Amino acid sequence: MIVVIGGGPAGRYAAMRLARAGKKVQLIEKRSAGVGGQCLHQGCMIICALNDVARFIQQARVFQQYGFLGSAEGFSYPVLIRKMQEIIRIIAGVLEEETIQAGVEIIRGSAEIQGETLRIDGVETPYEAVIVASGAHPRIPEISGCCLPGVYTAHT
């Protein structure tokens, strides 16, 4: 059994390649929202969507000056976030199904390695090899004003 810790892009790719090569693979993902990693769930996807919306609002204001569109006013940040979360859930579901179809067993839980011992949610787990692809975590730098109302991050 090969155990891959982390269901982001690197962990999924490794797990799927190994499974397609005939290896028995378990992918351990602690995120209840599913595989996909930081980029999908809290990083790039959200930032790109927010950038697209900001560009659209700016373009709508220009188009309005030329009579092409009505007002760009009335933008709802909560509605945008809800829609983005729906899309992220769909993408995570597709990625998860693709991973399972490749022959990978996905286990929700936390992995811990101490010496030669691997534990998943505290239960010792036998393995042939382990790949650690646990990804990254966001760090918001200490910048004056970064926590003021109206300043948004991928988490807010």
N, C-alpha and C. Protein backbone atom coordinates (compact mmCIF):
# COMPACT_ATOMS: atom_id res chain seq x y z
N MET A 1 0.85 -1.18 0.00
CA MET A 1 0.00 0.00 0.00
C MET A 1 0.89 1.24 0.00
N ILE A 2 0.64 2.13 -0.95
CA ILE A 2 1.32 3.42 -0.97
C ILE A 2 0.33 4.45 -0.44
N VAL A 3 0.77 5.23 0.52
CA VAL A 3 -0.08 6.25 1.13
C VAL A 3 0.40 7.62 0.66
N VAL A 4 -0.52 8.41 0.15
CA VAL A 4 -0.23 9.78 -0.26
C VAL A 4 -0.96 10.70 0.71
N ILE A 5 -0.21 11.57 1.36
CA ILE A 5 -0.79 12.51 2.32
C ILE A 5 -0.98 13.84 1.61
N GLY A 6 -2.23 14.23 1.43
CA GLY A 6 -2.55 15.50 0.80
C GLY A 6 -3.22 15.31 -0.54
N GLY A 7 -4.40 15.91 -0.70
CA GLY A 7 -5.18 15.76 -1.92
C GLY A 7 -5.17 16.98 -2.82
N GLY A 8 -4.11 17.78 -2.72
CA GLY A 8 -3.96 18.90 -3.65
C GLY A 8 -3.45 18.40 -4.99
N PRO A 9 -3.07 19.31 -5.88
CA PRO A 9 -2.63 18.91 -7.21
C PRO A 9 -1.48 17.89 -7.21
N ALA A 10 -0.47 18.11 -6.39
CA ALA A 10 0.68 17.19 -6.38
C ALA A 10 0.30 15.82 -5.83
N GLY A 11 -0.43 15.79 -4.73
CA GLY A 11 -0.83 14.52 -4.13
C GLY A 11 -1.77 13.73 -5.02
N ARG A 12 -2.74 14.42 -5.61
CA ARG A 12 -3.68 13.74 -6.52
C ARG A 12 -2.94 13.17 -7.72
N TYR A 13 -2.07 13.95 -8.31
CA TYR A 13 -1.34 13.50 -9.49
C TYR A 13 -0.51 12.26 -9.17
N ALA A 14 0.23 12.32 -8.07
CA ALA A 14 1.06 11.17 -7.67
C ALA A 14 0.19 9.94 -7.43
N ALA A 15 -0.90 10.12 -6.69
CA ALA A 15 -1.78 9.00 -6.36
C ALA A 15 -2.39 8.39 -7.62
N MET A 16 -2.85 9.22 -8.52
CA MET A 16 -3.48 8.72 -9.74
C MET A 16 -2.48 8.01 -10.65
N ARG A 17 -1.28 8.56 -10.77
CA ARG A 17 -0.26 7.91 -11.60
C ARG A 17 0.11 6.55 -11.04
N LEU A 18 0.27 6.47 -9.73
CA LEU A 18 0.61 5.19 -9.09
C LEU A 18 -0.52 4.17 -9.26
N ALA A 19 -1.77 4.62 -9.06
CA ALA A 19 -2.91 3.71 -9.21
C ALA A 19 -3.01 3.21 -10.64
N ARG A 20 -2.81 4.08 -11.60
CA ARG A 20 -2.87 3.67 -13.01
C ARG A 20 -1.73 2.73 -13.38
N ALA A 21 -0.65 2.78 -12.58
CA ALA A 21 0.49 1.87 -12.81
C ALA A 21 0.28 0.54 -12.08
N GLY A 22 -0.90 0.39 -11.46
CA GLY A 22 -1.23 -0.88 -10.82
C GLY A 22 -0.95 -0.96 -9.33
N LYS A 23 -0.52 0.13 -8.72
CA LYS A 23 -0.26 0.14 -7.28
C LYS A 23 -1.56 0.36 -6.51
N LYS A 24 -1.60 -0.19 -5.31
CA LYS A 24 -2.73 0.07 -4.39
C LYS A 24 -2.38 1.36 -3.65
N VAL A 25 -3.28 2.35 -3.75
CA VAL A 25 -2.97 3.69 -3.24
C VAL A 25 -4.11 4.20 -2.37
N GLN A 26 -3.73 4.77 -1.22
CA GLN A 26 -4.66 5.50 -0.37
C GLN A 26 -4.22 6.96 -0.36
N LEU A 27 -5.16 7.85 -0.58
CA LEU A 27 -4.89 9.28 -0.51
C LEU A 27 -5.57 9.80 0.75
N ILE A 28 -4.80 10.40 1.63
CA ILE A 28 -5.34 10.93 2.89
C ILE A 28 -5.56 12.43 2.73
N GLU A 29 -6.80 12.85 2.91
CA GLU A 29 -7.15 14.27 2.78
C GLU A 29 -7.90 14.71 4.02
N LYS A 30 -7.35 15.71 4.72
CA LYS A 30 -8.00 16.15 5.96
C LYS A 30 -9.12 17.15 5.72
N ARG A 31 -9.13 17.76 4.56
CA ARG A 31 -10.14 18.78 4.27
C ARG A 31 -11.49 18.12 3.98
N SER A 32 -12.50 18.43 4.77
CA SER A 32 -13.82 17.81 4.57
C SER A 32 -14.46 18.28 3.26
N ALA A 33 -14.03 19.43 2.76
CA ALA A 33 -14.60 19.96 1.52
C ALA A 33 -14.14 19.18 0.30
N GLY A 34 -13.17 18.31 0.46
CA GLY A 34 -12.74 17.47 -0.65
C GLY A 34 -11.34 17.78 -1.13
N VAL A 35 -10.94 17.02 -2.15
CA VAL A 35 -9.61 17.19 -2.72
C VAL A 35 -9.56 18.49 -3.52
N GLY A 36 -8.37 18.87 -3.91
CA GLY A 36 -8.22 20.09 -4.71
C GLY A 36 -7.17 21.02 -4.15
N GLY A 37 -6.94 20.94 -2.85
CA GLY A 37 -5.88 21.72 -2.24
C GLY A 37 -6.21 23.17 -1.97
N GLN A 38 -5.19 23.85 -1.52
CA GLN A 38 -5.28 25.26 -1.14
C GLN A 38 -5.73 26.14 -2.30
N CYS A 39 -5.19 25.89 -3.47
CA CYS A 39 -5.52 26.73 -4.63
C CYS A 39 -7.01 26.72 -4.91
N LEU A 40 -7.58 25.54 -4.95
CA LEU A 40 -9.01 25.44 -5.24
C LEU A 40 -9.87 26.01 -4.12
N HIS A 41 -9.58 25.62 -2.90
CA HIS A 41 -10.49 25.92 -1.80
C HIS A 41 -10.30 27.29 -1.16
N GLN A 42 -9.09 27.83 -1.17
CA GLN A 42 -8.88 29.09 -0.46
C GLN A 42 -7.90 30.03 -1.13
N GLY A 43 -7.41 29.69 -2.28
CA GLY A 43 -6.35 30.51 -2.87
C GLY A 43 -6.67 31.02 -4.25
N CYS A 44 -5.94 30.49 -5.22
CA CYS A 44 -5.94 31.01 -6.59
C CYS A 44 -7.34 31.14 -7.19
N MET A 45 -8.15 30.12 -7.04
CA MET A 45 -9.48 30.14 -7.66
C MET A 45 -10.31 31.32 -7.16
N ILE A 46 -10.27 31.55 -5.87
CA ILE A 46 -11.05 32.63 -5.28
C ILE A 46 -10.48 33.98 -5.70
N ILE A 47 -9.16 34.11 -5.63
CA ILE A 47 -8.52 35.37 -6.01
C ILE A 47 -8.78 35.67 -7.49
N CYS A 48 -8.66 34.67 -8.35
CA CYS A 48 -8.92 34.87 -9.78
C CYS A 48 -10.37 35.30 -10.01
N ALA A 49 -11.29 34.67 -9.31
CA ALA A 49 -12.70 35.04 -9.46
C ALA A 49 -12.94 36.48 -9.01
N LEU A 50 -12.34 36.87 -7.89
CA LEU A 50 -12.49 38.25 -7.41
C LEU A 50 -11.87 39.24 -8.39
N ASN A 51 -10.72 38.88 -8.97
CA ASN A 51 -10.10 39.74 -9.98
C ASN A 51 -11.01 39.88 -11.20
N ASP A 52 -11.61 38.77 -11.64
CA ASP A 52 -12.52 38.82 -12.78
C ASP A 52 -13.71 39.73 -12.49
N VAL A 53 -14.27 39.63 -11.29
CA VAL A 53 -15.41 40.46 -10.92
C VAL A 53 -15.00 41.94 -10.89
N ALA A 54 -13.84 42.22 -10.31
CA ALA A 54 -13.37 43.61 -10.26
C ALA A 54 -13.20 44.18 -11.67
N ARG A 55 -12.63 43.36 -12.58
CA ARG A 55 -12.48 43.79 -13.97
C ARG A 55 -13.85 44.03 -14.62
N PHE A 56 -14.78 43.13 -14.36
CA PHE A 56 -16.12 43.27 -14.93
C PHE A 56 -16.78 44.56 -14.44
N ILE A 57 -16.69 44.84 -13.15
CA ILE A 57 -17.30 46.06 -12.60
C ILE A 57 -16.68 47.29 -13.25
N GLN A 58 -15.35 47.28 -13.40
CA GLN A 58 -14.67 48.41 -14.04
C GLN A 58 -15.13 48.55 -15.49
N GLN A 59 -15.19 47.43 -16.21
CA GLN A 59 -15.63 47.48 -17.62
C GLN A 59 -17.08 47.91 -17.72
N ALA A 60 -17.92 47.46 -16.79
CA ALA A 60 -19.33 47.84 -16.82
C ALA A 60 -19.48 49.35 -16.68
N ARG A 61 -18.64 49.96 -15.87
CA ARG A 61 -18.71 51.42 -15.70
C ARG A 61 -18.32 52.13 -16.99
N VAL A 62 -17.31 51.59 -17.66
CA VAL A 62 -16.90 52.18 -18.95
C VAL A 62 -18.00 51.99 -19.98
N PHE A 63 -18.55 50.76 -20.07
CA PHE A 63 -19.61 50.48 -21.03
C PHE A 63 -20.84 51.34 -20.77
N GLN A 64 -21.10 51.60 -19.50
CA GLN A 64 -22.26 52.41 -19.13
C GLN A 64 -22.11 53.82 -19.71
N GLN A 65 -20.89 54.35 -19.72
CA GLN A 65 -20.64 55.68 -20.26
C GLN A 65 -20.99 55.74 -21.76
N TYR A 66 -20.87 54.60 -22.43
CA TYR A 66 -21.16 54.53 -23.86
C TYR A 66 -22.58 54.03 -24.13
N GLY A 67 -23.35 53.84 -23.08
CA GLY A 67 -24.74 53.45 -23.23
C GLY A 67 -24.97 51.97 -23.49
N PHE A 68 -23.95 51.13 -23.30
CA PHE A 68 -24.10 49.70 -23.57
C PHE A 68 -24.78 48.94 -22.43
N LEU A 69 -24.57 49.37 -21.22
CA LEU A 69 -25.09 48.64 -20.06
C LEU A 69 -25.78 49.60 -19.11
N GLY A 70 -26.62 49.00 -18.28
CA GLY A 70 -27.19 49.77 -17.18
C GLY A 70 -26.14 49.93 -16.09
N SER A 71 -26.55 50.27 -14.93
CA SER A 71 -25.66 50.53 -13.81
C SER A 71 -24.96 49.27 -13.32
N ALA A 72 -23.72 49.41 -12.87
CA ALA A 72 -22.97 48.31 -12.24
C ALA A 72 -23.20 48.32 -10.73
N GLU A 73 -24.06 49.22 -10.26
CA GLU A 73 -24.34 49.29 -8.83
C GLU A 73 -25.17 48.08 -8.41
N GLY A 74 -25.23 47.85 -7.11
CA GLY A 74 -26.04 46.75 -6.61
C GLY A 74 -25.27 45.44 -6.50
N PHE A 75 -23.97 45.51 -6.61
CA PHE A 75 -23.13 44.32 -6.48
C PHE A 75 -23.29 43.74 -5.07
N SER A 76 -23.44 42.42 -4.97
CA SER A 76 -23.62 41.77 -3.67
C SER A 76 -22.45 40.82 -3.41
N TYR A 77 -21.58 41.20 -2.49
CA TYR A 77 -20.43 40.35 -2.15
C TYR A 77 -20.88 39.00 -1.59
N PRO A 78 -21.87 38.93 -0.69
CA PRO A 78 -22.31 37.62 -0.19
C PRO A 78 -22.83 36.69 -1.30
N VAL A 79 -23.54 37.25 -2.27
CA VAL A 79 -24.03 36.42 -3.39
C VAL A 79 -22.85 35.90 -4.20
N LEU A 80 -21.87 36.76 -4.46
CA LEU A 80 -20.67 36.35 -5.20
C LEU A 80 -19.97 35.20 -4.49
N ILE A 81 -19.76 35.33 -3.20
CA ILE A 81 -19.07 34.28 -2.43
C ILE A 81 -19.87 32.99 -2.47
N ARG A 82 -21.17 33.08 -2.32
CA ARG A 82 -22.02 31.88 -2.37
C ARG A 82 -21.89 31.18 -3.73
N LYS A 83 -21.92 31.95 -4.81
CA LYS A 83 -21.79 31.37 -6.15
C LYS A 83 -20.41 30.75 -6.35
N MET A 84 -19.37 31.43 -5.87
CA MET A 84 -18.01 30.87 -6.00
C MET A 84 -17.91 29.57 -5.23
N GLN A 85 -18.49 29.51 -4.04
CA GLN A 85 -18.45 28.28 -3.25
C GLN A 85 -19.18 27.14 -3.95
N GLU A 86 -20.27 27.45 -4.63
CA GLU A 86 -20.98 26.42 -5.40
C GLU A 86 -20.08 25.86 -6.50
N ILE A 87 -19.40 26.74 -7.21
CA ILE A 87 -18.51 26.31 -8.29
C ILE A 87 -17.36 25.48 -7.74
N ILE A 88 -16.79 25.91 -6.62
CA ILE A 88 -15.69 25.17 -5.99
C ILE A 88 -16.15 23.78 -5.59
N ARG A 89 -17.36 23.67 -5.03
CA ARG A 89 -17.89 22.35 -4.65
C ARG A 89 -18.03 21.44 -5.88
N ILE A 90 -18.49 22.00 -6.97
CA ILE A 90 -18.63 21.21 -8.20
C ILE A 90 -17.27 20.73 -8.68
N ILE A 91 -16.30 21.64 -8.73
CA ILE A 91 -14.95 21.27 -9.18
C ILE A 91 -14.36 20.21 -8.26
N ALA A 92 -14.49 20.40 -6.95
CA ALA A 92 -13.95 19.41 -6.00
C ALA A 92 -14.60 18.05 -6.22
N GLY A 93 -15.89 18.03 -6.49
CA GLY A 93 -16.58 16.77 -6.76
C GLY A 93 -16.05 16.08 -8.01
N VAL A 94 -15.81 16.86 -9.05
CA VAL A 94 -15.26 16.30 -10.29
C VAL A 94 -13.86 15.75 -10.04
N LEU A 95 -13.03 16.50 -9.33
CA LEU A 95 -11.67 16.04 -9.03
C LEU A 95 -11.69 14.76 -8.20
N GLU A 96 -12.59 14.72 -7.24
CA GLU A 96 -12.69 13.53 -6.38
C GLU A 96 -13.12 12.31 -7.20
N GLU A 97 -14.12 12.48 -8.04
CA GLU A 97 -14.60 11.37 -8.88
C GLU A 97 -13.49 10.90 -9.82
N GLU A 98 -12.78 11.84 -10.40
CA GLU A 98 -11.66 11.50 -11.29
C GLU A 98 -10.59 10.69 -10.54
N THR A 99 -10.32 11.08 -9.31
CA THR A 99 -9.32 10.39 -8.48
C THR A 99 -9.78 8.97 -8.16
N ILE A 100 -11.03 8.82 -7.78
CA ILE A 100 -11.58 7.50 -7.46
C ILE A 100 -11.59 6.62 -8.71
N GLN A 101 -11.99 7.20 -9.85
CA GLN A 101 -12.03 6.43 -11.10
C GLN A 101 -10.64 5.93 -11.51
N ALA A 102 -9.60 6.63 -11.08
CA ALA A 102 -8.23 6.20 -11.38
C ALA A 102 -7.81 5.02 -10.51
N GLY A 103 -8.62 4.70 -9.49
CA GLY A 103 -8.31 3.56 -8.63
C GLY A 103 -7.74 3.93 -7.28
N VAL A 104 -7.85 5.19 -6.91
CA VAL A 104 -7.32 5.66 -5.64
C VAL A 104 -8.42 5.60 -4.57
N GLU A 105 -8.07 5.09 -3.40
CA GLU A 105 -8.98 5.11 -2.26
C GLU A 105 -8.75 6.41 -1.50
N ILE A 106 -9.78 7.21 -1.37
CA ILE A 106 -9.66 8.48 -0.64
C ILE A 106 -10.15 8.27 0.78
N ILE A 107 -9.31 8.67 1.73
CA ILE A 107 -9.65 8.57 3.15
C ILE A 107 -9.64 9.97 3.74
N ARG A 108 -10.74 10.36 4.37
CA ARG A 108 -10.81 11.65 5.07
C ARG A 108 -10.19 11.46 6.44
N GLY A 109 -9.19 12.25 6.72
CA GLY A 109 -8.57 12.17 8.03
C GLY A 109 -7.25 12.91 8.06
N SER A 110 -6.62 12.88 9.21
CA SER A 110 -5.32 13.52 9.40
C SER A 110 -4.26 12.45 9.55
N ALA A 111 -3.14 12.67 8.89
CA ALA A 111 -2.04 11.72 8.95
C ALA A 111 -0.92 12.29 9.81
N GLU A 112 -0.22 11.39 10.48
CA GLU A 112 0.90 11.76 11.33
C GLU A 112 1.98 10.69 11.17
N ILE A 113 3.20 11.14 10.97
CA ILE A 113 4.32 10.21 10.86
C ILE A 113 5.26 10.47 12.02
N GLN A 114 5.57 9.40 12.77
CA GLN A 114 6.55 9.48 13.86
C GLN A 114 7.52 8.34 13.64
N GLY A 115 8.74 8.69 13.26
CA GLY A 115 9.72 7.66 12.95
C GLY A 115 9.24 6.84 11.77
N GLU A 116 9.09 5.54 11.97
CA GLU A 116 8.63 4.62 10.92
C GLU A 116 7.12 4.37 11.00
N THR A 117 6.45 5.01 11.95
CA THR A 117 5.03 4.73 12.19
C THR A 117 4.16 5.80 11.53
N LEU A 118 3.16 5.33 10.78
CA LEU A 118 2.17 6.20 10.16
C LEU A 118 0.84 5.98 10.87
N ARG A 119 0.24 7.08 11.29
CA ARG A 119 -1.09 7.01 11.91
C ARG A 119 -2.05 7.88 11.12
N ILE A 120 -3.23 7.32 10.89
CA ILE A 120 -4.30 8.08 10.26
C ILE A 120 -5.41 8.20 11.29
N ASP A 121 -5.67 9.43 11.70
CA ASP A 121 -6.62 9.69 12.79
C ASP A 121 -6.29 8.85 14.02
N GLY A 122 -5.00 8.75 14.32
CA GLY A 122 -4.54 8.04 15.51
C GLY A 122 -4.41 6.54 15.37
N VAL A 123 -4.83 5.98 14.24
CA VAL A 123 -4.78 4.53 14.05
C VAL A 123 -3.54 4.18 13.23
N GLU A 124 -2.70 3.30 13.77
CA GLU A 124 -1.50 2.89 13.06
C GLU A 124 -1.89 2.21 11.75
N THR A 125 -1.22 2.61 10.69
CA THR A 125 -1.57 2.15 9.34
C THR A 125 -0.34 1.56 8.65
N PRO A 126 -0.44 0.33 8.15
CA PRO A 126 0.69 -0.25 7.42
C PRO A 126 0.85 0.42 6.05
N TYR A 127 2.08 0.45 5.56
CA TYR A 127 2.35 1.08 4.27
C TYR A 127 3.62 0.51 3.67
N GLU A 128 3.70 0.61 2.35
CA GLU A 128 4.90 0.24 1.62
C GLU A 128 5.77 1.48 1.42
N ALA A 129 5.11 2.59 1.10
CA ALA A 129 5.79 3.87 0.89
C ALA A 129 4.81 4.99 1.22
N VAL A 130 5.37 6.15 1.56
CA VAL A 130 4.55 7.33 1.86
C VAL A 130 5.05 8.49 1.02
N ILE A 131 4.11 9.21 0.44
CA ILE A 131 4.42 10.46 -0.25
C ILE A 131 3.74 11.57 0.54
N VAL A 132 4.51 12.54 0.98
CA VAL A 132 3.95 13.67 1.71
C VAL A 132 3.79 14.84 0.73
N ALA A 133 2.56 15.19 0.46
CA ALA A 133 2.23 16.30 -0.43
C ALA A 133 1.20 17.16 0.28
N SER A 134 1.58 17.61 1.47
CA SER A 134 0.62 18.27 2.36
C SER A 134 0.37 19.74 2.03
N GLY A 135 1.05 20.27 1.04
CA GLY A 135 0.72 21.59 0.53
C GLY A 135 1.18 22.75 1.38
N ALA A 136 0.48 23.86 1.19
CA ALA A 136 0.86 25.12 1.81
C ALA A 136 -0.30 25.70 2.60
N HIS A 137 0.01 26.69 3.39
CA HIS A 137 -1.00 27.41 4.15
C HIS A 137 -0.81 28.90 3.90
N PRO A 138 -1.90 29.66 3.82
CA PRO A 138 -1.76 31.09 3.56
C PRO A 138 -1.16 31.83 4.75
N ARG A 139 -0.45 32.87 4.43
CA ARG A 139 0.12 33.74 5.47
C ARG A 139 -0.18 35.17 5.06
N ILE A 140 -0.93 35.85 5.88
CA ILE A 140 -1.25 37.24 5.60
C ILE A 140 -0.19 38.10 6.29
N PRO A 141 0.58 38.86 5.51
CA PRO A 141 1.64 39.67 6.12
C PRO A 141 1.07 40.78 6.98
N GLU A 142 1.86 41.20 7.94
CA GLU A 142 1.43 42.29 8.83
C GLU A 142 1.64 43.61 8.11
N ILE A 143 0.57 44.06 7.46
CA ILE A 143 0.60 45.31 6.72
C ILE A 143 -0.41 46.24 7.37
N SER A 144 0.00 47.46 7.60
CA SER A 144 -0.88 48.43 8.23
C SER A 144 -2.18 48.56 7.44
N GLY A 145 -3.30 48.37 8.12
CA GLY A 145 -4.61 48.52 7.50
C GLY A 145 -5.17 47.28 6.85
N CYS A 146 -4.42 46.18 6.87
CA CYS A 146 -4.88 44.98 6.15
C CYS A 146 -6.11 44.33 6.78
N CYS A 147 -6.44 44.71 8.00
CA CYS A 147 -7.61 44.10 8.66
C CYS A 147 -8.78 45.08 8.81
N LEU A 148 -8.71 46.20 8.11
CA LEU A 148 -9.78 47.19 8.20
C LEU A 148 -11.01 46.73 7.42
N PRO A 149 -12.18 47.24 7.78
CA PRO A 149 -13.39 46.91 7.01
C PRO A 149 -13.19 47.30 5.54
N GLY A 150 -13.67 46.43 4.65
CA GLY A 150 -13.54 46.70 3.22
C GLY A 150 -12.30 46.10 2.60
N VAL A 151 -11.41 45.53 3.42
CA VAL A 151 -10.23 44.83 2.90
C VAL A 151 -10.55 43.34 2.95
N TYR A 152 -10.46 42.69 1.81
CA TYR A 152 -10.85 41.29 1.72
C TYR A 152 -9.66 40.40 1.40
N THR A 153 -9.71 39.19 1.95
CA THR A 153 -8.73 38.16 1.62
C THR A 153 -9.52 36.96 1.09
N ALA A 154 -8.81 35.92 0.72
CA ALA A 154 -9.49 34.71 0.26
C ALA A 154 -10.33 34.08 1.37
N HIS A 155 -10.05 34.43 2.62
CA HIS A 155 -10.78 33.85 3.75
C HIS A 155 -11.95 34.70 4.20
N THR A 156 -12.00 35.96 3.78
CA THR A 156 -13.09 36.83 4.20
C THR A 156 -14.00 37.09 3.03
